[in-house]
Amino acid sequence: RKSGVTDHYALDDNHALHLARKVVRSLNLQKKVDVTIEPSEEPLFPPDEIYGIVGDQLKRNFDVKEVIARIVDGSRFDEFKALYGDTLVTGFARIFGYPVGIIGNNGVLFSESAKKGTHFIQLCCQRNIPIVFLQNITGFMVGREYEAGGIAKDGAKMVTAVACANVPKITVIIGGSYGAGNYGMCGRAYSPRFLYMWPNARISVMGGEQAATVLATIAKDRKAREGKQLSEADEAALKEPIIRRFEEEGNPYYSSARLWDDGIIDPADTRLVLGLSLSAALNAPTKKTEFGVFRM
């Protein structure tokens, strides 16, 4: 007002943000993106139907394709390898006109699922298409048969592909996020441009009940070596605080409060949030992806 040092005077924070947007609008910047943008279309199905599809119980199974149909333009989803490795859903779609590759979970990851995911990520990187991960995963399949079949090396292929992919990656945790499945589905350590959680989501090294069962088994074996038995009451007393702690620390509000994600979002707003995130992510140039050696 007196010195003329400032160009605008803001009454409060909201007014300051409004003024900043007006300044940016007048910069005459032309957005240059390396993808083809088509006119946006609303999904054929209302986004708020996601509430009924997913529910509030983590153990409830749902088809991730029903979620995809309520996020993408025109509910059109060009699925890739639909009949192979069907516990992992992969395909191409558009969100607010932006092309995306979508990877979503429909169960535990087998070798076939991991190889399919690896192939699809390579395609997206070759075509310079952003990838959206819809994460609801308990992990990779375990057991002697699957280990002999190469689940470790096949899972490593998918993790390698995720780690090396330089196209914009956006992750939404729509259910569980456990163990190595978090890695294969682009958890925070794999540098997604944005990572969001739904209120029903849970994230930890494993489920609370599974962790409690493992520790109870160890305690039983220790007692057995001493010629004793672990009573049902003692087992329940051992499990209860473990389950409670996993439930507390696996809660999305616990992780979000520690900035392990970019926010908890309303499931019905997922399409809007993804559209804004894609628009922001595509402002930066995309480096060429160079993959390492995939174990055969």
C-alpha atoms as a PDB file:
ATOM      1  CA  ARG A   1       0.000   0.000   0.000  1.00  0.00           C
ATOM      2  CA  LYS A   2       2.882   2.390   0.785  1.00  0.00           C
ATOM      3  CA  SER A   3       6.102   0.873  -0.589  1.00  0.00           C
ATOM      4  CA  GLY A   4       4.627  -0.975  -3.561  1.00  0.00           C
ATOM      5  CA  VAL A   5       6.827  -3.997  -2.815  1.00  0.00           C
ATOM      6  CA  THR A   6       3.933  -6.451  -3.086  1.00  0.00           C
ATOM      7  CA  ASP A   7       1.680  -6.836  -6.105  1.00  0.00           C
ATOM      8  CA  HIS A   8      -1.373  -8.120  -4.245  1.00  0.00           C
ATOM      9  CA  TYR A   9      -2.709  -7.866  -0.708  1.00  0.00           C
ATOM     10  CA  ALA A  10      -4.402 -10.974   0.697  1.00  0.00           C
ATOM     11  CA  LEU A  11      -6.952 -10.784   3.481  1.00  0.00           C
ATOM     12  CA  ASP A  12      -6.403 -14.398   4.571  1.00  0.00           C
ATOM     13  CA  ASP A  13      -4.971 -17.733   3.371  1.00  0.00           C
ATOM     14  CA  ASN A  14      -7.928 -18.574   1.133  1.00  0.00           C
ATOM     15  CA  HIS A  15      -7.762 -15.167  -0.515  1.00  0.00           C
ATOM     16  CA  ALA A  16      -3.999 -15.597  -1.010  1.00  0.00           C
ATOM     17  CA  LEU A  17      -4.546 -18.924  -2.796  1.00  0.00           C
ATOM     18  CA  HIS A  18      -7.213 -17.313  -4.962  1.00  0.00           C
ATOM     19  CA  LEU A  19      -4.812 -14.513  -5.922  1.00  0.00           C
ATOM     20  CA  ALA A  20      -2.043 -17.025  -6.669  1.00  0.00           C
ATOM     21  CA  ARG A  21      -4.358 -18.913  -9.037  1.00  0.00           C
ATOM     22  CA  LYS A  22      -5.209 -15.675 -10.825  1.00  0.00           C
ATOM     23  CA  VAL A  23      -1.505 -14.911 -11.269  1.00  0.00           C
ATOM     24  CA  VAL A  24      -0.798 -18.389 -12.673  1.00  0.00           C
ATOM     25  CA  ARG A  25      -3.774 -18.045 -15.028  1.00  0.00           C
ATOM     26  CA  SER A  26      -2.226 -14.898 -16.497  1.00  0.00           C
ATOM     27  CA  LEU A  27       1.182 -16.501 -17.181  1.00  0.00           C
ATOM     28  CA  ASN A  28       0.040 -17.713 -20.606  1.00  0.00           C
ATOM     29  CA  LEU A  29       1.688 -21.096 -20.096  1.00  0.00           C
ATOM     30  CA  GLN A  30       0.919 -23.751 -22.673  1.00  0.00           C
ATOM     31  CA  LYS A  31       0.698 -27.232 -21.218  1.00  0.00           C
ATOM     32  CA  LYS A  32       2.695 -29.727 -23.249  1.00  0.00           C
ATOM     33  CA  VAL A  33       2.010 -33.378 -22.530  1.00  0.00           C
ATOM     34  CA  ASP A  34       3.283 -36.508 -24.232  1.00  0.00           C
ATOM     35  CA  VAL A  35      -0.111 -38.225 -24.324  1.00  0.00           C
ATOM     36  CA  THR A  36      -3.201 -37.853 -26.480  1.00  0.00           C
ATOM     37  CA  ILE A  37      -6.081 -36.257 -24.576  1.00  0.00           C
ATOM     38  CA  GLU A  38      -9.644 -36.973 -25.672  1.00  0.00           C
ATOM     39  CA  PRO A  39     -12.895 -35.309 -24.560  1.00  0.00           C
ATOM     40  CA  SER A  40     -13.925 -36.481 -21.108  1.00  0.00           C
ATOM     41  CA  GLU A  41     -16.990 -38.676 -20.562  1.00  0.00           C
ATOM     42  CA  GLU A  42     -18.812 -39.488 -17.355  1.00  0.00           C
ATOM     43  CA  PRO A  43     -18.920 -43.178 -16.337  1.00  0.00           C
ATOM     44  CA  LEU A  44     -22.124 -45.031 -17.209  1.00  0.00           C
ATOM     45  CA  PHE A  45     -22.514 -45.998 -13.550  1.00  0.00           C
ATOM     46  CA  PRO A  46     -22.711 -43.552 -10.607  1.00  0.00           C
ATOM     47  CA  PRO A  47     -19.465 -43.377  -8.583  1.00  0.00           C
ATOM     48  CA  ASP A  48     -21.361 -43.480  -5.285  1.00  0.00           C
ATOM     49  CA  GLU A  49     -22.330 -47.093  -6.066  1.00  0.00           C
ATOM     50  CA  ILE A  50     -18.778 -47.945  -4.986  1.00  0.00           C
ATOM     51  CA  TYR A  51     -19.964 -47.792  -1.359  1.00  0.00           C
ATOM     52  CA  GLY A  52     -22.267 -50.762  -1.902  1.00  0.00           C
ATOM     53  CA  ILE A  53     -19.755 -52.700  -3.991  1.00  0.00           C
ATOM     54  CA  VAL A  54     -16.900 -52.503  -1.507  1.00  0.00           C
ATOM     55  CA  GLY A  55     -18.761 -52.327   1.805  1.00  0.00           C
ATOM     56  CA  ASP A  56     -17.105 -51.655   5.148  1.00  0.00           C
ATOM     57  CA  GLN A  57     -15.803 -55.164   5.863  1.00  0.00           C
ATOM     58  CA  LEU A  58     -12.236 -55.822   4.697  1.00  0.00           C
ATOM     59  CA  LYS A  59     -12.865 -59.569   4.317  1.00  0.00           C
ATOM     60  CA  ARG A  60     -15.696 -58.969   1.871  1.00  0.00           C
ATOM     61  CA  ASN A  61     -14.730 -59.969  -1.682  1.00  0.00           C
ATOM     62  CA  PHE A  62     -15.581 -57.681  -4.588  1.00  0.00           C
ATOM     63  CA  ASP A  63     -14.703 -57.524  -8.275  1.00  0.00           C
ATOM     64  CA  VAL A  64     -12.274 -54.661  -8.933  1.00  0.00           C
ATOM     65  CA  LYS A  65     -13.745 -54.349 -12.444  1.00  0.00           C
ATOM     66  CA  GLU A  66     -16.939 -53.041 -10.842  1.00  0.00           C
ATOM     67  CA  VAL A  67     -14.866 -50.270  -9.247  1.00  0.00           C
ATOM     68  CA  ILE A  68     -13.087 -49.535 -12.531  1.00  0.00           C
ATOM     69  CA  ALA A  69     -16.429 -49.179 -14.329  1.00  0.00           C
ATOM     70  CA  ARG A  70     -17.314 -46.326 -11.959  1.00  0.00           C
ATOM     71  CA  ILE A  71     -14.010 -44.485 -12.404  1.00  0.00           C
ATOM     72  CA  VAL A  72     -13.142 -44.512 -16.112  1.00  0.00           C
ATOM     73  CA  ASP A  73     -14.574 -42.510 -19.016  1.00  0.00           C
ATOM     74  CA  GLY A  74     -17.724 -44.084 -20.426  1.00  0.00           C
ATOM     75  CA  SER A  75     -17.077 -47.124 -18.197  1.00  0.00           C
ATOM     76  CA  ARG A  76     -14.958 -48.459 -21.086  1.00  0.00           C
ATOM     77  CA  PHE A  77     -12.103 -50.750 -20.068  1.00  0.00           C
ATOM     78  CA  ASP A  78     -10.000 -52.579 -22.664  1.00  0.00           C
ATOM     79  CA  GLU A  79      -8.836 -55.538 -20.619  1.00  0.00           C
ATOM     80  CA  PHE A  80      -5.433 -57.097 -21.315  1.00  0.00           C
ATOM     81  CA  LYS A  81      -5.062 -60.909 -21.033  1.00  0.00           C
ATOM     82  CA  ALA A  82      -8.492 -61.251 -19.409  1.00  0.00           C
ATOM     83  CA  LEU A  83      -8.351 -65.069 -19.250  1.00  0.00           C
ATOM     84  CA  TYR A  84      -4.781 -65.400 -17.966  1.00  0.00           C
ATOM     85  CA  GLY A  85      -3.656 -64.736 -14.398  1.00  0.00           C
ATOM     86  CA  ASP A  86      -7.137 -63.479 -13.575  1.00  0.00           C
ATOM     87  CA  THR A  87      -6.359 -62.550  -9.962  1.00  0.00           C
ATOM     88  CA  LEU A  88      -4.696 -59.467 -11.454  1.00  0.00           C
ATOM     89  CA  VAL A  89      -6.834 -57.237 -13.682  1.00  0.00           C
ATOM     90  CA  THR A  90      -4.959 -55.189 -16.275  1.00  0.00           C
ATOM     91  CA  GLY A  91      -6.158 -52.989 -19.113  1.00  0.00           C
ATOM     92  CA  PHE A  92      -6.342 -49.590 -20.762  1.00  0.00           C
ATOM     93  CA  ALA A  93      -8.904 -46.840 -20.201  1.00  0.00           C
ATOM     94  CA  ARG A  94      -9.226 -43.062 -19.981  1.00  0.00           C
ATOM     95  CA  ILE A  95      -9.871 -40.832 -16.985  1.00  0.00           C
ATOM     96  CA  PHE A  96     -10.974 -37.279 -17.798  1.00  0.00           C
ATOM     97  CA  GLY A  97      -9.609 -37.879 -21.291  1.00  0.00           C
ATOM     98  CA  TYR A  98      -6.145 -38.961 -20.120  1.00  0.00           C
ATOM     99  CA  PRO A  99      -5.007 -42.456 -21.207  1.00  0.00           C
ATOM    100  CA  VAL A 100      -4.140 -44.786 -18.331  1.00  0.00           C
ATOM    101  CA  GLY A 101      -3.113 -48.343 -17.766  1.00  0.00           C
ATOM    102  CA  ILE A 102      -4.979 -49.810 -14.801  1.00  0.00           C
ATOM    103  CA  ILE A 103      -3.714 -52.649 -12.601  1.00  0.00           C
ATOM    104  CA  GLY A 104      -6.134 -53.940  -9.965  1.00  0.00           C
ATOM    105  CA  ASN A 105      -6.256 -56.906  -7.596  1.00  0.00           C
ATOM    106  CA  ASN A 106      -8.869 -59.647  -7.598  1.00  0.00           C
ATOM    107  CA  GLY A 107      -7.099 -61.897  -5.126  1.00  0.00           C
ATOM    108  CA  VAL A 108      -3.640 -63.149  -4.220  1.00  0.00           C
ATOM    109  CA  LEU A 109      -0.857 -62.885  -6.816  1.00  0.00           C
ATOM    110  CA  PHE A 110       0.206 -66.140  -8.493  1.00  0.00           C
ATOM    111  CA  SER A 111       3.129 -66.585 -10.910  1.00  0.00           C
ATOM    112  CA  GLU A 112       0.787 -66.101 -13.868  1.00  0.00           C
ATOM    113  CA  SER A 113      -0.598 -62.888 -12.375  1.00  0.00           C
ATOM    114  CA  ALA A 114       2.887 -61.516 -11.710  1.00  0.00           C
ATOM    115  CA  LYS A 115       4.109 -62.285 -15.243  1.00  0.00           C
ATOM    116  CA  LYS A 116       0.987 -60.710 -16.701  1.00  0.00           C
ATOM    117  CA  GLY A 117       1.504 -57.586 -14.590  1.00  0.00           C
ATOM    118  CA  THR A 118       5.142 -57.381 -15.661  1.00  0.00           C
ATOM    119  CA  HIS A 119       4.180 -57.635 -19.345  1.00  0.00           C
ATOM    120  CA  PHE A 120       1.518 -54.951 -18.954  1.00  0.00           C
ATOM    121  CA  ILE A 121       3.828 -52.511 -17.142  1.00  0.00           C
ATOM    122  CA  GLN A 122       6.366 -52.900 -19.951  1.00  0.00           C
ATOM    123  CA  LEU A 123       3.640 -52.075 -22.490  1.00  0.00           C
ATOM    124  CA  CYS A 124       2.629 -48.934 -20.588  1.00  0.00           C
ATOM    125  CA  CYS A 125       6.240 -47.768 -20.391  1.00  0.00           C
ATOM    126  CA  GLN A 126       6.797 -48.445 -24.088  1.00  0.00           C
ATOM    127  CA  ARG A 127       3.685 -46.420 -24.957  1.00  0.00           C
ATOM    128  CA  ASN A 128       4.388 -43.723 -22.335  1.00  0.00           C
ATOM    129  CA  ILE A 129       1.023 -44.257 -20.616  1.00  0.00           C
ATOM    130  CA  PRO A 130       0.545 -43.466 -16.886  1.00  0.00           C
ATOM    131  CA  ILE A 131      -0.333 -46.398 -14.627  1.00  0.00           C
ATOM    132  CA  VAL A 132      -3.042 -46.451 -11.941  1.00  0.00           C
ATOM    133  CA  PHE A 133      -2.729 -49.184  -9.297  1.00  0.00           C
ATOM    134  CA  LEU A 134      -5.910 -50.187  -7.425  1.00  0.00           C
ATOM    135  CA  GLN A 135      -4.417 -52.045  -4.508  1.00  0.00           C
ATOM    136  CA  ASN A 136      -6.307 -54.712  -2.551  1.00  0.00           C
ATOM    137  CA  ILE A 137      -3.727 -57.400  -1.951  1.00  0.00           C
ATOM    138  CA  THR A 138      -2.854 -59.968   0.708  1.00  0.00           C
ATOM    139  CA  GLY A 139       0.464 -60.792  -0.971  1.00  0.00           C
ATOM    140  CA  PHE A 140       2.042 -63.344  -3.285  1.00  0.00           C
ATOM    141  CA  MET A 141       0.967 -66.988  -3.087  1.00  0.00           C
ATOM    142  CA  VAL A 142       3.050 -69.117  -0.721  1.00  0.00           C
ATOM    143  CA  GLY A 143       3.574 -72.851  -0.355  1.00  0.00           C
ATOM    144  CA  ARG A 144       6.023 -75.519  -1.504  1.00  0.00           C
ATOM    145  CA  GLU A 145       4.262 -76.083  -4.839  1.00  0.00           C
ATOM    146  CA  TYR A 146       4.293 -72.382  -5.735  1.00  0.00           C
ATOM    147  CA  GLU A 147       7.844 -71.833  -4.538  1.00  0.00           C
ATOM    148  CA  ALA A 148       9.019 -74.747  -6.699  1.00  0.00           C
ATOM    149  CA  GLY A 149       7.046 -73.231  -9.570  1.00  0.00           C
ATOM    150  CA  GLY A 150       9.022 -69.994  -9.338  1.00  0.00           C
ATOM    151  CA  ILE A 151       6.753 -67.567  -7.483  1.00  0.00           C
ATOM    152  CA  ALA A 152       9.826 -65.821  -6.015  1.00  0.00           C
ATOM    153  CA  LYS A 153      11.429 -65.032  -9.378  1.00  0.00           C
ATOM    154  CA  ASP A 154       8.093 -64.224 -11.044  1.00  0.00           C
ATOM    155  CA  GLY A 155       7.163 -61.895  -8.204  1.00  0.00           C
ATOM    156  CA  ALA A 156      10.601 -60.303  -8.505  1.00  0.00           C
ATOM    157  CA  LYS A 157       9.912 -59.601 -12.190  1.00  0.00           C
ATOM    158  CA  MET A 158       6.818 -57.608 -11.310  1.00  0.00           C
ATOM    159  CA  VAL A 159       8.564 -55.735  -8.505  1.00  0.00           C
ATOM    160  CA  THR A 160      11.448 -54.928 -10.873  1.00  0.00           C
ATOM    161  CA  ALA A 161       9.025 -53.634 -13.505  1.00  0.00           C
ATOM    162  CA  VAL A 162       7.248 -51.421 -10.959  1.00  0.00           C
ATOM    163  CA  ALA A 163      10.525 -50.092  -9.556  1.00  0.00           C
ATOM    164  CA  CYS A 164      11.982 -49.244 -12.982  1.00  0.00           C
ATOM    165  CA  ALA A 165       8.846 -47.769 -14.589  1.00  0.00           C
ATOM    166  CA  ASN A 166       9.317 -44.029 -15.105  1.00  0.00           C
ATOM    167  CA  VAL A 167       5.825 -43.248 -16.386  1.00  0.00           C
ATOM    168  CA  PRO A 168       3.613 -41.471 -13.822  1.00  0.00           C
ATOM    169  CA  LYS A 169       2.373 -44.024 -11.281  1.00  0.00           C
ATOM    170  CA  ILE A 170      -0.623 -43.349  -9.036  1.00  0.00           C
ATOM    171  CA  THR A 171      -1.689 -45.805  -6.339  1.00  0.00           C
ATOM    172  CA  VAL A 172      -5.035 -46.046  -4.565  1.00  0.00           C
ATOM    173  CA  ILE A 173      -5.282 -48.548  -1.712  1.00  0.00           C
ATOM    174  CA  ILE A 174      -8.910 -49.663  -1.925  1.00  0.00           C
ATOM    175  CA  GLY A 175      -8.673 -52.587   0.510  1.00  0.00           C
ATOM    176  CA  GLY A 176      -5.809 -54.496   2.073  1.00  0.00           C
ATOM    177  CA  SER A 177      -2.140 -53.763   1.445  1.00  0.00           C
ATOM    178  CA  TYR A 178      -0.041 -56.504   2.976  1.00  0.00           C
ATOM    179  CA  GLY A 179       3.533 -57.730   2.740  1.00  0.00           C
ATOM    180  CA  ALA A 180       5.303 -58.092  -0.590  1.00  0.00           C
ATOM    181  CA  GLY A 181       2.000 -57.458  -2.345  1.00  0.00           C
ATOM    182  CA  ASN A 182       2.468 -53.809  -1.384  1.00  0.00           C
ATOM    183  CA  TYR A 183       5.732 -53.804  -3.345  1.00  0.00           C
ATOM    184  CA  GLY A 184       4.314 -55.437  -6.458  1.00  0.00           C
ATOM    185  CA  MET A 185       1.387 -53.006  -6.474  1.00  0.00           C
ATOM    186  CA  CYS A 186       3.516 -49.860  -6.193  1.00  0.00           C
ATOM    187  CA  GLY A 187       3.523 -49.038  -2.503  1.00  0.00           C
ATOM    188  CA  ARG A 188       5.076 -45.855  -1.150  1.00  0.00           C
ATOM    189  CA  ALA A 189       8.650 -47.181  -1.430  1.00  0.00           C
ATOM    190  CA  TYR A 190       8.245 -47.494  -5.216  1.00  0.00           C
ATOM    191  CA  SER A 191       7.762 -43.774  -5.777  1.00  0.00           C
ATOM    192  CA  PRO A 192       4.219 -43.359  -7.053  1.00  0.00           C
ATOM    193  CA  ARG A 193       3.573 -39.710  -7.896  1.00  0.00           C
ATOM    194  CA  PHE A 194       0.544 -39.911  -5.578  1.00  0.00           C
ATOM    195  CA  LEU A 195      -0.700 -42.555  -3.146  1.00  0.00           C
ATOM    196  CA  TYR A 196      -4.197 -42.381  -1.665  1.00  0.00           C
ATOM    197  CA  MET A 197      -6.165 -44.583   0.709  1.00  0.00           C
ATOM    198  CA  TRP A 198      -9.847 -45.300   1.122  1.00  0.00           C
ATOM    199  CA  PRO A 199     -11.237 -45.174   4.692  1.00  0.00           C
ATOM    200  CA  ASN A 200     -11.793 -48.955   4.686  1.00  0.00           C
ATOM    201  CA  ALA A 201      -8.167 -49.714   3.712  1.00  0.00           C
ATOM    202  CA  ARG A 202      -5.586 -51.414   5.908  1.00  0.00           C
ATOM    203  CA  ILE A 203      -1.811 -51.504   5.477  1.00  0.00           C
ATOM    204  CA  SER A 204       0.747 -53.638   7.351  1.00  0.00           C
ATOM    205  CA  VAL A 205       3.272 -56.425   6.880  1.00  0.00           C
ATOM    206  CA  MET A 206       0.412 -58.926   7.324  1.00  0.00           C
ATOM    207  CA  GLY A 207      -3.067 -59.076   8.820  1.00  0.00           C
ATOM    208  CA  GLY A 208      -3.384 -58.861  12.591  1.00  0.00           C
ATOM    209  CA  GLU A 209      -4.984 -62.299  12.933  1.00  0.00           C
ATOM    210  CA  GLN A 210      -2.267 -63.902  10.801  1.00  0.00           C
ATOM    211  CA  ALA A 211       0.487 -62.215  12.822  1.00  0.00           C
ATOM    212  CA  ALA A 212      -1.143 -63.285  16.090  1.00  0.00           C
ATOM    213  CA  THR A 213      -1.483 -66.873  14.846  1.00  0.00           C
ATOM    214  CA  VAL A 214       2.195 -67.016  13.832  1.00  0.00           C
ATOM    215  CA  LEU A 215       3.363 -65.712  17.209  1.00  0.00           C
ATOM    216  CA  ALA A 216       0.973 -68.042  19.046  1.00  0.00           C
ATOM    217  CA  THR A 217       2.364 -71.004  17.087  1.00  0.00           C
ATOM    218  CA  ILE A 218       5.908 -70.017  18.073  1.00  0.00           C
ATOM    219  CA  ALA A 219       4.819 -69.794  21.716  1.00  0.00           C
ATOM    220  CA  LYS A 220       3.143 -73.236  21.497  1.00  0.00           C
ATOM    221  CA  ASP A 221       6.271 -74.798  20.021  1.00  0.00           C
ATOM    222  CA  ARG A 222       8.407 -73.246  22.752  1.00  0.00           C
ATOM    223  CA  LYS A 223       6.075 -74.623  25.428  1.00  0.00           C
ATOM    224  CA  ALA A 224       6.092 -78.041  23.752  1.00  0.00           C
ATOM    225  CA  ARG A 225       9.891 -78.184  23.890  1.00  0.00           C
ATOM    226  CA  GLU A 226       9.578 -77.541  27.625  1.00  0.00           C
ATOM    227  CA  GLY A 227       7.034 -80.351  27.938  1.00  0.00           C
ATOM    228  CA  LYS A 228       4.178 -77.928  28.579  1.00  0.00           C
ATOM    229  CA  GLN A 229       1.051 -76.757  26.759  1.00  0.00           C
ATOM    230  CA  LEU A 230      -0.235 -73.279  25.961  1.00  0.00           C
ATOM    231  CA  SER A 231      -3.784 -73.058  27.294  1.00  0.00           C
ATOM    232  CA  GLU A 232      -6.590 -71.553  25.230  1.00  0.00           C
ATOM    233  CA  ALA A 233      -6.861 -68.681  27.709  1.00  0.00           C
ATOM    234  CA  ASP A 234      -3.131 -67.935  27.455  1.00  0.00           C
ATOM    235  CA  GLU A 235      -3.292 -68.151  23.663  1.00  0.00           C
ATOM    236  CA  ALA A 236      -6.214 -65.704  23.567  1.00  0.00           C
ATOM    237  CA  ALA A 237      -4.387 -63.363  25.966  1.00  0.00           C
ATOM    238  CA  LEU A 238      -1.322 -63.495  23.699  1.00  0.00           C
ATOM    239  CA  LYS A 239      -3.279 -62.833  20.512  1.00  0.00           C
ATOM    240  CA  GLU A 240      -5.560 -60.022  21.705  1.00  0.00           C
ATOM    241  CA  PRO A 241      -2.970 -57.199  22.090  1.00  0.00           C
ATOM    242  CA  ILE A 242      -1.267 -58.198  18.825  1.00  0.00           C
ATOM    243  CA  ILE A 243      -4.514 -58.031  16.865  1.00  0.00           C
ATOM    244  CA  ARG A 244      -5.426 -54.741  18.551  1.00  0.00           C
ATOM    245  CA  ARG A 245      -2.043 -53.192  17.729  1.00  0.00           C
ATOM    246  CA  PHE A 246      -2.172 -54.297  14.088  1.00  0.00           C
ATOM    247  CA  GLU A 247      -5.687 -52.916  13.779  1.00  0.00           C
ATOM    248  CA  GLU A 248      -4.600 -49.585  15.259  1.00  0.00           C
ATOM    249  CA  GLU A 249      -1.349 -49.177  13.322  1.00  0.00           C
ATOM    250  CA  GLY A 250      -2.717 -50.609  10.076  1.00  0.00           C
ATOM    251  CA  ASN A 251      -5.540 -48.064  10.064  1.00  0.00           C
ATOM    252  CA  PRO A 252      -5.379 -45.517   7.217  1.00  0.00           C
ATOM    253  CA  TYR A 253      -5.665 -42.638   9.681  1.00  0.00           C
ATOM    254  CA  TYR A 254      -2.538 -43.883  11.479  1.00  0.00           C
ATOM    255  CA  SER A 255      -0.493 -43.981   8.267  1.00  0.00           C
ATOM    256  CA  SER A 256      -1.922 -40.757   6.867  1.00  0.00           C
ATOM    257  CA  ALA A 257      -1.116 -38.911  10.100  1.00  0.00           C
ATOM    258  CA  ARG A 258       2.520 -39.910   9.552  1.00  0.00           C
ATOM    259  CA  LEU A 259       2.509 -38.721   5.923  1.00  0.00           C
ATOM    260  CA  TRP A 260       2.936 -42.250   4.554  1.00  0.00           C
ATOM    261  CA  ASP A 261       0.346 -41.399   1.913  1.00  0.00           C
ATOM    262  CA  ASP A 262      -1.100 -38.336   0.210  1.00  0.00           C
ATOM    263  CA  GLY A 263      -4.451 -38.480   1.939  1.00  0.00           C
ATOM    264  CA  ILE A 264      -7.572 -40.491   2.668  1.00  0.00           C
ATOM    265  CA  ILE A 265     -10.161 -39.920  -0.041  1.00  0.00           C
ATOM    266  CA  ASP A 266     -13.880 -40.542  -0.357  1.00  0.00           C
ATOM    267  CA  PRO A 267     -14.265 -43.586  -2.667  1.00  0.00           C
ATOM    268  CA  ALA A 268     -16.901 -41.694  -4.672  1.00  0.00           C
ATOM    269  CA  ASP A 269     -14.313 -38.950  -5.361  1.00  0.00           C
ATOM    270  CA  THR A 270     -11.697 -41.372  -6.707  1.00  0.00           C
ATOM    271  CA  ARG A 271     -12.296 -40.471 -10.352  1.00  0.00           C
ATOM    272  CA  LEU A 272     -11.980 -36.729  -9.657  1.00  0.00           C
ATOM    273  CA  VAL A 273      -8.860 -37.188  -7.523  1.00  0.00           C
ATOM    274  CA  LEU A 274      -7.230 -39.372 -10.183  1.00  0.00           C
ATOM    275  CA  GLY A 275      -8.046 -36.825 -12.895  1.00  0.00           C
ATOM    276  CA  LEU A 276      -6.439 -33.996 -10.932  1.00  0.00           C
ATOM    277  CA  SER A 277      -3.446 -36.184 -10.066  1.00  0.00           C
ATOM    278  CA  LEU A 278      -2.897 -37.163 -13.706  1.00  0.00           C
ATOM    279  CA  SER A 279      -3.094 -33.523 -14.764  1.00  0.00           C
ATOM    280  CA  ALA A 280      -0.471 -32.581 -12.169  1.00  0.00           C
ATOM    281  CA  ALA A 281       1.811 -35.548 -12.846  1.00  0.00           C
ATOM    282  CA  LEU A 282       1.890 -34.919 -16.592  1.00  0.00           C
ATOM    283  CA  ASN A 283       3.290 -31.411 -16.090  1.00  0.00           C
ATOM    284  CA  ALA A 284       6.717 -32.973 -15.574  1.00  0.00           C
ATOM    285  CA  PRO A 285       8.624 -34.587 -18.450  1.00  0.00           C
ATOM    286  CA  THR A 286       8.696 -38.387 -18.408  1.00  0.00           C
ATOM    287  CA  LYS A 287      12.083 -40.052 -18.531  1.00  0.00           C
ATOM    288  CA  LYS A 288      12.608 -43.051 -20.761  1.00  0.00           C
ATOM    289  CA  THR A 289      12.231 -46.314 -18.845  1.00  0.00           C
ATOM    290  CA  GLU A 290      15.174 -48.693 -18.900  1.00  0.00           C
ATOM    291  CA  PHE A 291      14.516 -52.049 -17.276  1.00  0.00           C
ATOM    292  CA  GLY A 292      17.149 -54.177 -15.609  1.00  0.00           C
ATOM    293  CA  VAL A 293      17.562 -57.909 -16.095  1.00  0.00           C
ATOM    294  CA  PHE A 294      14.392 -59.932 -15.511  1.00  0.00           C
ATOM    295  CA  ARG A 295      15.090 -63.314 -13.930  1.00  0.00           C
ATOM    296  CA  MET A 296      13.906 -66.050 -16.276  1.00  0.00           C
END
